[in-house]
PDB file of N, CA and C in Angstrom:
ATOM      1  N   MET A   1      56.662 121.050 116.870  1.00  0.00           N
ATOM      2  CA  MET A   1      57.458 121.459 115.782  1.00  0.00           C
ATOM      3  C   MET A   1      57.704 120.358 114.848  1.00  0.00           C
ATOM      4  N   LYS A   2      57.635 120.550 113.513  1.00  0.00           N
ATOM      5  CA  LYS A   2      57.841 119.436 112.660  1.00  0.00           C
ATOM      6  C   LYS A   2      58.930 119.758 111.621  1.00  0.00           C
ATOM      7  N   VAL A   3      59.286 118.602 111.032  1.00  0.00           N
ATOM      8  CA  VAL A   3      60.442 118.871 109.949  1.00  0.00           C
ATOM      9  C   VAL A   3      60.129 117.720 108.898  1.00  0.00           C
ATOM     10  N   TYR A   4      60.567 118.024 107.709  1.00  0.00           N
ATOM     11  CA  TYR A   4      60.475 117.092 106.615  1.00  0.00           C
ATOM     12  C   TYR A   4      61.819 116.227 106.673  1.00  0.00           C
ATOM     13  N   LEU A   5      61.678 114.942 106.406  1.00  0.00           N
ATOM     14  CA  LEU A   5      62.820 114.029 106.373  1.00  0.00           C
ATOM     15  C   LEU A   5      62.600 112.983 105.339  1.00  0.00           C
ATOM     16  N   LYS A   6      63.664 112.756 104.612  1.00  0.00           N
ATOM     17  CA  LYS A   6      63.736 111.752 103.590  1.00  0.00           C
ATOM     18  C   LYS A   6      65.052 110.970 103.696  1.00  0.00           C
ATOM     19  N   ILE A   7      64.896 109.642 103.648  1.00  0.00           N
ATOM     20  CA  ILE A   7      66.092 108.829 103.612  1.00  0.00           C
ATOM     21  C   ILE A   7      66.334 108.326 102.150  1.00  0.00           C
ATOM     22  N   HIS A   8      67.614 108.695 101.720  1.00  0.00           N
ATOM     23  CA  HIS A   8      68.104 108.372 100.411  1.00  0.00           C
ATOM     24  C   HIS A   8      68.990 107.116 100.551  1.00  0.00           C
ATOM     25  N   ARG A   9      68.834 106.040  99.764  1.00  0.00           N
ATOM     26  CA  ARG A   9      69.617 104.893  99.796  1.00  0.00           C
ATOM     27  C   ARG A   9      70.286 104.642  98.510  1.00  0.00           C
ATOM     28  N   ARG A  10      71.561 104.352  98.567  1.00  0.00           N
ATOM     29  CA  ARG A  10      72.356 104.138  97.421  1.00  0.00           C
ATOM     30  C   ARG A  10      73.443 103.096  97.877  1.00  0.00           C
ATOM     31  N   SER A  11      73.374 101.920  97.248  1.00  0.00           N
ATOM     32  CA  SER A  11      74.222 100.773  97.695  1.00  0.00           C
ATOM     33  C   SER A  11      74.102 100.549  99.167  1.00  0.00           C
ATOM     34  N   ASP A  12      75.067 100.539  99.894  1.00  0.00           N
ATOM     35  CA  ASP A  12      74.944 100.393 101.338  1.00  0.00           C
ATOM     36  C   ASP A  12      74.883 101.761 102.188  1.00  0.00           C
ATOM     37  N   ILE A  13      74.778 102.802 101.483  1.00  0.00           N
ATOM     38  CA  ILE A  13      74.822 104.045 102.171  1.00  0.00           C
ATOM     39  C   ILE A  13      73.543 104.788 102.222  1.00  0.00           C
ATOM     40  N   GLU A  14      73.127 105.238 103.443  1.00  0.00           N
ATOM     41  CA  GLU A  14      71.895 105.962 103.715  1.00  0.00           C
ATOM     42  C   GLU A  14      72.318 107.456 103.938  1.00  0.00           C
ATOM     43  N   THR A  15      71.692 108.335 103.289  1.00  0.00           N
ATOM     44  CA  THR A  15      71.875 109.884 103.525  1.00  0.00           C
ATOM     45  C   THR A  15      70.476 110.340 103.980  1.00  0.00           C
ATOM     46  N   ILE A  16      70.420 110.961 105.154  1.00  0.00           N
ATOM     47  CA  ILE A  16      69.271 111.610 105.656  1.00  0.00           C
ATOM     48  C   ILE A  16      69.222 113.060 105.261  1.00  0.00           C
ATOM     49  N   ALA A  17      68.144 113.414 104.638  1.00  0.00           N
ATOM     50  CA  ALA A  17      67.838 114.834 104.168  1.00  0.00           C
ATOM     51  C   ALA A  17      66.726 115.389 105.247  1.00  0.00           C
ATOM     52  N   CYS A  18      67.069 116.438 105.719  1.00  0.00           N
ATOM     53  CA  CYS A  18      65.920 116.877 106.809  1.00  0.00           C
ATOM     54  C   CYS A  18      65.942 118.475 106.788  1.00  0.00           C
ATOM     55  N   CYS A  19      64.797 119.089 106.753  1.00  0.00           N
ATOM     56  CA  CYS A  19      64.614 120.498 106.744  1.00  0.00           C
ATOM     57  C   CYS A  19      63.454 120.940 107.685  1.00  0.00           C
ATOM     58  N   ASP A  20      63.545 122.126 108.200  1.00  0.00           N
ATOM     59  CA  ASP A  20      62.403 122.744 108.926  1.00  0.00           C
ATOM     60  C   ASP A  20      61.140 122.826 107.980  1.00  0.00           C
ATOM     61  N   GLU A  21      60.057 122.546 108.545  1.00  0.00           N
ATOM     62  CA  GLU A  21      58.791 122.461 107.773  1.00  0.00           C
ATOM     63  C   GLU A  21      58.587 123.638 106.789  1.00  0.00           C
ATOM     64  N   ALA A  22      58.790 124.878 107.333  1.00  0.00           N
ATOM     65  CA  ALA A  22      58.507 126.097 106.635  1.00  0.00           C
ATOM     66  C   ALA A  22      59.445 126.297 105.424  1.00  0.00           C
ATOM     67  N   LEU A  23      60.533 125.541 105.322  1.00  0.00           N
ATOM     68  CA  LEU A  23      61.530 125.875 104.315  1.00  0.00           C
ATOM     69  C   LEU A  23      61.392 125.098 103.051  1.00  0.00           C
ATOM     70  N   LEU A  24      60.490 124.045 103.075  1.00  0.00           N
ATOM     71  CA  LEU A  24      60.339 123.125 101.869  1.00  0.00           C
ATOM     72  C   LEU A  24      60.002 123.999 100.668  1.00  0.00           C
ATOM     73  N   ASN A  25      60.578 123.612  99.536  1.00  0.00           N
ATOM     74  CA  ASN A  25      60.365 124.213  98.229  1.00  0.00           C
ATOM     75  C   ASN A  25      60.698 125.786  98.059  1.00  0.00           C
ATOM     76  N   GLN A  26      61.770 126.068  98.963  1.00  0.00           N
ATOM     77  CA  GLN A  26      62.333 127.436  98.833  1.00  0.00           C
ATOM     78  C   GLN A  26      63.745 127.382  98.334  1.00  0.00           C
ATOM     79  N   VAL A  27      64.210 128.399  97.756  1.00  0.00           N
ATOM     80  CA  VAL A  27      65.570 128.597  97.339  1.00  0.00           C
ATOM     81  C   VAL A  27      66.108 129.794  97.953  1.00  0.00           C
ATOM     82  N   PHE A  28      67.432 129.702  98.446  1.00  0.00           N
ATOM     83  CA  PHE A  28      68.198 130.695  99.129  1.00  0.00           C
ATOM     84  C   PHE A  28      69.479 130.929  98.478  1.00  0.00           C
ATOM     85  N   THR A  29      69.844 132.208  98.162  1.00  0.00           N
ATOM     86  CA  THR A  29      71.137 132.504  97.603  1.00  0.00           C
ATOM     87  C   THR A  29      71.818 133.617  98.300  1.00  0.00           C
ATOM     88  N   GLU A  30      73.126 133.544  98.211  1.00  0.00           N
ATOM     89  CA  GLU A  30      73.976 134.667  98.888  1.00  0.00           C
ATOM     90  C   GLU A  30      75.276 134.573  98.099  1.00  0.00           C
ATOM     91  N   GLY A  31      75.504 135.683  97.366  1.00  0.00           N
ATOM     92  CA  GLY A  31      76.624 135.714  96.489  1.00  0.00           C
ATOM     93  C   GLY A  31      76.603 134.492  95.539  1.00  0.00           C
ATOM     94  N   ASN A  32      77.670 133.735  95.464  1.00  0.00           N
ATOM     95  CA  ASN A  32      77.685 132.532  94.484  1.00  0.00           C
ATOM     96  C   ASN A  32      77.202 131.333  95.159  1.00  0.00           C
ATOM     97  N   LEU A  33      76.730 131.370  96.321  1.00  0.00           N
ATOM     98  CA  LEU A  33      76.144 130.141  97.170  1.00  0.00           C
ATOM     99  C   LEU A  33      74.624 130.145  96.879  1.00  0.00           C
ATOM    100  N   ARG A  34      74.171 128.940  96.743  1.00  0.00           N
ATOM    101  CA  ARG A  34      72.660 128.767  96.577  1.00  0.00           C
ATOM    102  C   ARG A  34      72.348 127.367  97.187  1.00  0.00           C
ATOM    103  N   ILE A  35      71.205 127.262  97.809  1.00  0.00           N
ATOM    104  CA  ILE A  35      70.693 126.077  98.313  1.00  0.00           C
ATOM    105  C   ILE A  35      69.123 125.977  97.883  1.00  0.00           C
ATOM    106  N   GLU A  36      68.730 124.883  97.320  1.00  0.00           N
ATOM    107  CA  GLU A  36      67.421 124.628  96.854  1.00  0.00           C
ATOM    108  C   GLU A  36      66.839 123.583  97.768  1.00  0.00           C
ATOM    109  N   ILE A  37      65.846 123.892  98.608  1.00  0.00           N
ATOM    110  CA  ILE A  37      65.240 122.909  99.545  1.00  0.00           C
ATOM    111  C   ILE A  37      64.085 122.305  98.806  1.00  0.00           C
ATOM    112  N   SER A  38      64.281 121.314  97.929  1.00  0.00           N
ATOM    113  CA  SER A  38      63.236 120.780  97.011  1.00  0.00           C
ATOM    114  C   SER A  38      62.584 119.658  97.799  1.00  0.00           C
ATOM    115  N   SER A  39      61.341 119.527  97.290  1.00  0.00           N
ATOM    116  CA  SER A  39      60.510 118.390  97.949  1.00  0.00           C
ATOM    117  C   SER A  39      61.004 117.101  97.382  1.00  0.00           C
ATOM    118  N   THR A  40      61.702 117.015  96.240  1.00  0.00           N
ATOM    119  CA  THR A  40      62.377 115.838  95.706  1.00  0.00           C
ATOM    120  C   THR A  40      63.358 115.372  96.613  1.00  0.00           C
ATOM    121  N   PHE A  41      64.267 116.261  97.155  1.00  0.00           N
ATOM    122  CA  PHE A  41      65.402 115.772  97.923  1.00  0.00           C
ATOM    123  C   PHE A  41      64.910 115.673  99.489  1.00  0.00           C
ATOM    124  N   PHE A  42      64.271 116.699 100.013  1.00  0.00           N
ATOM    125  CA  PHE A  42      63.919 116.715 101.484  1.00  0.00           C
ATOM    126  C   PHE A  42      62.468 116.213 101.820  1.00  0.00           C
ATOM    127  N   GLY A  43      61.549 116.314 100.890  1.00  0.00           N
ATOM    128  CA  GLY A  43      60.117 116.192 101.285  1.00  0.00           C
ATOM    129  C   GLY A  43      59.449 114.947 101.227  1.00  0.00           C
ATOM    130  N   ARG A  44      59.748 114.114 102.080  1.00  0.00           N
ATOM    131  CA  ARG A  44      59.014 112.760 102.120  1.00  0.00           C
ATOM    132  C   ARG A  44      58.049 112.698 103.174  1.00  0.00           C
ATOM    133  N   ASP A  45      58.596 112.637 104.484  1.00  0.00           N
ATOM    134  CA  ASP A  45      57.758 112.471 105.605  1.00  0.00           C
ATOM    135  C   ASP A  45      57.784 113.745 106.452  1.00  0.00           C
ATOM    136  N   LEU A  46      56.667 114.166 106.941  1.00  0.00           N
ATOM    137  CA  LEU A  46      56.616 115.240 107.944  1.00  0.00           C
ATOM    138  C   LEU A  46      56.581 114.611 109.397  1.00  0.00           C
ATOM    139  N   LEU A  47      57.672 114.894 110.100  1.00  0.00           N
ATOM    140  CA  LEU A  47      57.715 114.218 111.461  1.00  0.00           C
ATOM    141  C   LEU A  47      57.950 115.164 112.537  1.00  0.00           C
ATOM    142  N   ALA A  48      57.652 114.807 113.695  1.00  0.00           N
ATOM    143  CA  ALA A  48      57.979 115.561 114.925  1.00  0.00           C
ATOM    144  C   ALA A  48      59.472 115.751 114.984  1.00  0.00           C
ATOM    145  N   ILE A  49      59.971 116.877 115.280  1.00  0.00           N
ATOM    146  CA  ILE A  49      61.398 117.150 115.338  1.00  0.00           C
ATOM    147  C   ILE A  49      62.179 116.201 116.173  1.00  0.00           C
ATOM    148  N   ASP A  50      61.569 115.691 117.353  1.00  0.00           N
ATOM    149  CA  ASP A  50      62.243 114.774 118.259  1.00  0.00           C
ATOM    150  C   ASP A  50      62.479 113.424 117.526  1.00  0.00           C
ATOM    151  N   THR A  51      61.577 113.033 116.703  1.00  0.00           N
ATOM    152  CA  THR A  51      61.712 111.706 116.052  1.00  0.00           C
ATOM    153  C   THR A  51      62.747 111.857 114.955  1.00  0.00           C
ATOM    154  N   ALA A  52      62.782 113.050 114.318  1.00  0.00           N
ATOM    155  CA  ALA A  52      63.969 113.248 113.250  1.00  0.00           C
ATOM    156  C   ALA A  52      65.277 113.287 113.936  1.00  0.00           C
ATOM    157  N   ILE A  53      65.410 113.879 115.175  1.00  0.00           N
ATOM    158  CA  ILE A  53      66.715 113.878 115.857  1.00  0.00           C
ATOM    159  C   ILE A  53      67.060 112.481 116.215  1.00  0.00           C
ATOM    160  N   GLU A  54      66.142 111.591 116.537  1.00  0.00           N
ATOM    161  CA  GLU A  54      66.626 110.090 116.878  1.00  0.00           C
ATOM    162  C   GLU A  54      67.047 109.564 115.623  1.00  0.00           C
ATOM    163  N   ILE A  55      66.563 109.756 114.496  1.00  0.00           N
ATOM    164  CA  ILE A  55      67.038 109.255 113.215  1.00  0.00           C
ATOM    165  C   ILE A  55      68.420 109.713 112.867  1.00  0.00           C
ATOM    166  N   LEU A  56      68.491 111.087 113.072  1.00  0.00           N
ATOM    167  CA  LEU A  56      69.868 111.713 112.769  1.00  0.00           C
ATOM    168  C   LEU A  56      70.954 111.338 113.559  1.00  0.00           C
ATOM    169  N   ARG A  57      70.642 110.910 114.830  1.00  0.00           N
ATOM    170  CA  ARG A  57      71.545 110.484 115.873  1.00  0.00           C
ATOM    171  C   ARG A  57      72.321 109.227 115.382  1.00  0.00           C
ATOM    172  N   GLY A  58      71.695 108.386 114.645  1.00  0.00           N
ATOM    173  CA  GLY A  58      72.315 107.163 114.153  1.00  0.00           C
ATOM    174  C   GLY A  58      72.849 107.155 112.652  1.00  0.00           C
ATOM    175  N   ALA A  59      72.733 108.315 112.024  1.00  0.00           N
ATOM    176  CA  ALA A  59      73.058 108.514 110.678  1.00  0.00           C
ATOM    177  C   ALA A  59      74.637 108.768 110.564  1.00  0.00           C
ATOM    178  N   SER A  60      75.180 108.167 109.574  1.00  0.00           N
ATOM    179  CA  SER A  60      76.595 108.430 109.179  1.00  0.00           C
ATOM    180  C   SER A  60      76.638 109.601 108.219  1.00  0.00           C
ATOM    181  N   TYR A  61      75.473 109.853 107.503  1.00  0.00           N
ATOM    182  CA  TYR A  61      75.500 110.909 106.514  1.00  0.00           C
ATOM    183  C   TYR A  61      74.187 111.570 106.621  1.00  0.00           C
ATOM    184  N   PHE A  62      74.250 112.903 106.700  1.00  0.00           N
ATOM    185  CA  PHE A  62      72.966 113.709 106.644  1.00  0.00           C
ATOM    186  C   PHE A  62      73.239 115.176 106.107  1.00  0.00           C
ATOM    187  N   ASN A  63      72.134 115.770 105.718  1.00  0.00           N
ATOM    188  CA  ASN A  63      72.131 117.034 105.142  1.00  0.00           C
ATOM    189  C   ASN A  63      70.910 117.795 105.847  1.00  0.00           C
ATOM    190  N   ILE A  64      71.164 118.725 106.713  1.00  0.00           N
ATOM    191  CA  ILE A  64      70.124 119.333 107.428  1.00  0.00           C
ATOM    192  C   ILE A  64      70.085 120.882 107.171  1.00  0.00           C
ATOM    193  N   VAL A  65      68.735 121.426 107.062  1.00  0.00           N
ATOM    194  CA  VAL A  65      68.670 122.907 106.828  1.00  0.00           C
ATOM    195  C   VAL A  65      67.618 123.422 107.733  1.00  0.00           C
ATOM    196  N   GLY A  66      67.832 124.560 108.296  1.00  0.00           N
ATOM    197  CA  GLY A  66      66.777 125.227 109.149  1.00  0.00           C
ATOM    198  C   GLY A  66      67.292 125.546 110.553  1.00  0.00           C
ATOM    199  N   GLU A  67      66.768 126.492 111.037  1.00  0.00           N
ATOM    200  CA  GLU A  67      67.066 127.056 112.426  1.00  0.00           C
ATOM    201  C   GLU A  67      66.635 125.992 113.501  1.00  0.00           C
ATOM    202  N   ASN A  68      65.447 125.443 113.340  1.00  0.00           N
ATOM    203  CA  ASN A  68      65.003 124.529 114.370  1.00  0.00           C
ATOM    204  C   ASN A  68      65.880 123.194 114.384  1.00  0.00           C
ATOM    205  N   ILE A  69      66.016 122.577 113.349  1.00  0.00           N
ATOM    206  CA  ILE A  69      66.704 121.254 113.217  1.00  0.00           C
ATOM    207  C   ILE A  69      68.191 121.445 113.556  1.00  0.00           C
ATOM    208  N   THR A  70      68.890 122.411 113.101  1.00  0.00           N
ATOM    209  CA  THR A  70      70.212 122.648 113.311  1.00  0.00           C
ATOM    210  C   THR A  70      70.482 123.015 114.886  1.00  0.00           C
ATOM    211  N   ASN A  71      69.675 123.894 115.388  1.00  0.00           N
ATOM    212  CA  ASN A  71      69.773 124.210 116.791  1.00  0.00           C
ATOM    213  C   ASN A  71      69.630 123.021 117.711  1.00  0.00           C
ATOM    214  N   LEU A  72      68.641 122.138 117.354  1.00  0.00           N
ATOM    215  CA  LEU A  72      68.408 120.931 118.233  1.00  0.00           C
ATOM    216  C   LEU A  72      69.537 119.888 118.103  1.00  0.00           C
ATOM    217  N   ALA A  73      70.017 119.815 116.801  1.00  0.00           N
ATOM    218  CA  ALA A  73      71.150 118.887 116.602  1.00  0.00           C
ATOM    219  C   ALA A  73      72.433 119.270 117.336  1.00  0.00           C
ATOM    220  N   ILE A  74      72.646 120.606 117.444  1.00  0.00           N
ATOM    221  CA  ILE A  74      73.741 121.129 118.282  1.00  0.00           C
ATOM    222  C   ILE A  74      73.379 120.898 119.811  1.00  0.00           C
ATOM    223  N   ALA A  75      72.310 121.141 120.241  1.00  0.00           N
ATOM    224  CA  ALA A  75      71.953 120.958 121.636  1.00  0.00           C
ATOM    225  C   ALA A  75      72.054 119.494 121.987  1.00  0.00           C
ATOM    226  N   GLN A  76      71.784 118.639 121.074  1.00  0.00           N
ATOM    227  CA  GLN A  76      71.856 117.066 121.404  1.00  0.00           C
ATOM    228  C   GLN A  76      73.215 116.542 121.027  1.00  0.00           C
ATOM    229  N   LYS A  77      74.086 117.394 120.707  1.00  0.00           N
ATOM    230  CA  LYS A  77      75.575 117.057 120.477  1.00  0.00           C
ATOM    231  C   LYS A  77      75.696 116.122 119.211  1.00  0.00           C
ATOM    232  N   ILE A  78      74.759 116.256 118.330  1.00  0.00           N
ATOM    233  CA  ILE A  78      74.919 115.443 117.052  1.00  0.00           C
ATOM    234  C   ILE A  78      75.792 116.171 116.061  1.00  0.00           C
ATOM    235  N   LEU A  79      75.913 117.532 116.352  1.00  0.00           N
ATOM    236  CA  LEU A  79      76.567 118.386 115.444  1.00  0.00           C
ATOM    237  C   LEU A  79      77.204 119.517 116.207  1.00  0.00           C
ATOM    238  N   PRO A  80      78.522 119.914 115.925  1.00  0.00           N
ATOM    239  CA  PRO A  80      79.124 121.007 116.558  1.00  0.00           C
ATOM    240  C   PRO A  80      78.646 122.248 115.836  1.00  0.00           C
ATOM    241  N   ARG A  81      78.590 123.351 116.752  1.00  0.00           N
ATOM    242  CA  ARG A  81      78.155 124.680 116.199  1.00  0.00           C
ATOM    243  C   ARG A  81      78.997 125.112 115.112  1.00  0.00           C
ATOM    244  N   GLU A  82      80.313 124.716 115.107  1.00  0.00           N
ATOM    245  CA  GLU A  82      81.275 125.135 114.031  1.00  0.00           C
ATOM    246  C   GLU A  82      80.957 124.486 112.737  1.00  0.00           C
ATOM    247  N   GLY A  83      80.186 123.421 112.812  1.00  0.00           N
ATOM    248  CA  GLY A  83      79.745 122.704 111.622  1.00  0.00           C
ATOM    249  C   GLY A  83      78.636 123.264 110.739  1.00  0.00           C
ATOM    250  N   VAL A  84      78.084 124.358 111.272  1.00  0.00           N
ATOM    251  CA  VAL A  84      76.906 125.063 110.618  1.00  0.00           C
ATOM    252  C   VAL A  84      77.403 126.125 109.731  1.00  0.00           C
ATOM    253  N   ARG A  85      76.876 126.243 108.494  1.00  0.00           N
ATOM    254  CA  ARG A  85      77.041 127.303 107.533  1.00  0.00           C
ATOM    255  C   ARG A  85      75.720 128.011 107.344  1.00  0.00           C
ATOM    256  N   LYS A  86      75.755 129.300 107.121  1.00  0.00           N
ATOM    257  CA  LYS A  86      74.464 129.966 106.795  1.00  0.00           C
ATOM    258  C   LYS A  86      74.585 130.548 105.372  1.00  0.00           C
ATOM    259  N   ILE A  87      73.435 130.425 104.787  1.00  0.00           N
ATOM    260  CA  ILE A  87      73.203 131.019 103.372  1.00  0.00           C
ATOM    261  C   ILE A  87      72.037 131.790 103.504  1.00  0.00           C
ATOM    262  N   ASN A  88      72.224 133.186 103.340  1.00  0.00           N
ATOM    263  CA  ASN A  88      71.136 134.093 103.498  1.00  0.00           C
ATOM    264  C   ASN A  88      70.348 133.960 104.853  1.00  0.00           C
ATOM    265  N   ASN A  89      71.294 133.719 105.843  1.00  0.00           N
ATOM    266  CA  ASN A  89      70.826 133.599 107.322  1.00  0.00           C
ATOM    267  C   ASN A  89      70.063 132.220 107.507  1.00  0.00           C
ATOM    268  N   ILE A  90      69.948 131.302 106.595  1.00  0.00           N
ATOM    269  CA  ILE A  90      69.428 129.952 106.857  1.00  0.00           C
ATOM    270  C   ILE A  90      70.626 128.974 107.193  1.00  0.00           C
ATOM    271  N   PRO A  91      70.496 128.453 108.354  1.00  0.00           N
ATOM    272  CA  PRO A  91      71.629 127.541 108.769  1.00  0.00           C
ATOM    273  C   PRO A  91      71.447 126.130 108.050  1.00  0.00           C
ATOM    274  N   MET A  92      72.673 125.582 107.714  1.00  0.00           N
ATOM    275  CA  MET A  92      72.657 124.304 107.160  1.00  0.00           C
ATOM    276  C   MET A  92      73.839 123.501 107.558  1.00  0.00           C
ATOM    277  N   ALA A  93      73.875 122.191 107.609  1.00  0.00           N
ATOM    278  CA  ALA A  93      74.956 121.469 107.897  1.00  0.00           C
ATOM    279  C   ALA A  93      74.987 120.074 107.210  1.00  0.00           C
ATOM    280  N   MET A  94      76.154 119.494 107.006  1.00  0.00           N
ATOM    281  CA  MET A  94      76.285 118.176 106.484  1.00  0.00           C
ATOM    282  C   MET A  94      77.160 117.306 107.298  1.00  0.00           C
ATOM    283  N   LYS A  95      76.865 116.079 107.399  1.00  0.00           N
ATOM    284  CA  LYS A  95      77.725 115.012 108.158  1.00  0.00           C
ATOM    285  C   LYS A  95      78.121 113.986 107.142  1.00  0.00           C
ATOM    286  N   MET A  96      79.393 113.689 107.187  1.00  0.00           N
ATOM    287  CA  MET A  96      79.768 112.461 106.282  1.00  0.00           C
ATOM    288  C   MET A  96      80.869 111.802 107.121  1.00  0.00           C
ATOM    289  N   MET A  97      80.655 110.471 107.167  1.00  0.00           N
ATOM    290  CA  MET A  97      81.664 109.669 107.965  1.00  0.00           C
ATOM    291  C   MET A  97      82.397 108.727 106.953  1.00  0.00           C
ATOM    292  N   PHE A  98      83.665 108.670 107.052  1.00  0.00           N
ATOM    293  CA  PHE A  98      84.477 107.863 106.265  1.00  0.00           C
ATOM    294  C   PHE A  98      85.153 106.838 106.847  1.00  0.00           C
TER     295      PHE A  98
END
């Protein structure tokens, strides 16, 4: 199983963007909610999901989208189940440390 992952760097902050492989370049809407899973934001490296989980484990900031990556993040205790939101049945989550 593979996911796309891109590391965004701004000043001293790294934000990890990660999505399930099949979701790249799709848009999902539900009511007034919308998520665009663009290759610009998410699509840099196609990695094995286990490699992505190790990167996310050390991240202070991340944005993840997709059933596979969110379920594994929950199973690995990187993310609580309550931290997941769904838009049109597509799970997504964000982590921000202050």
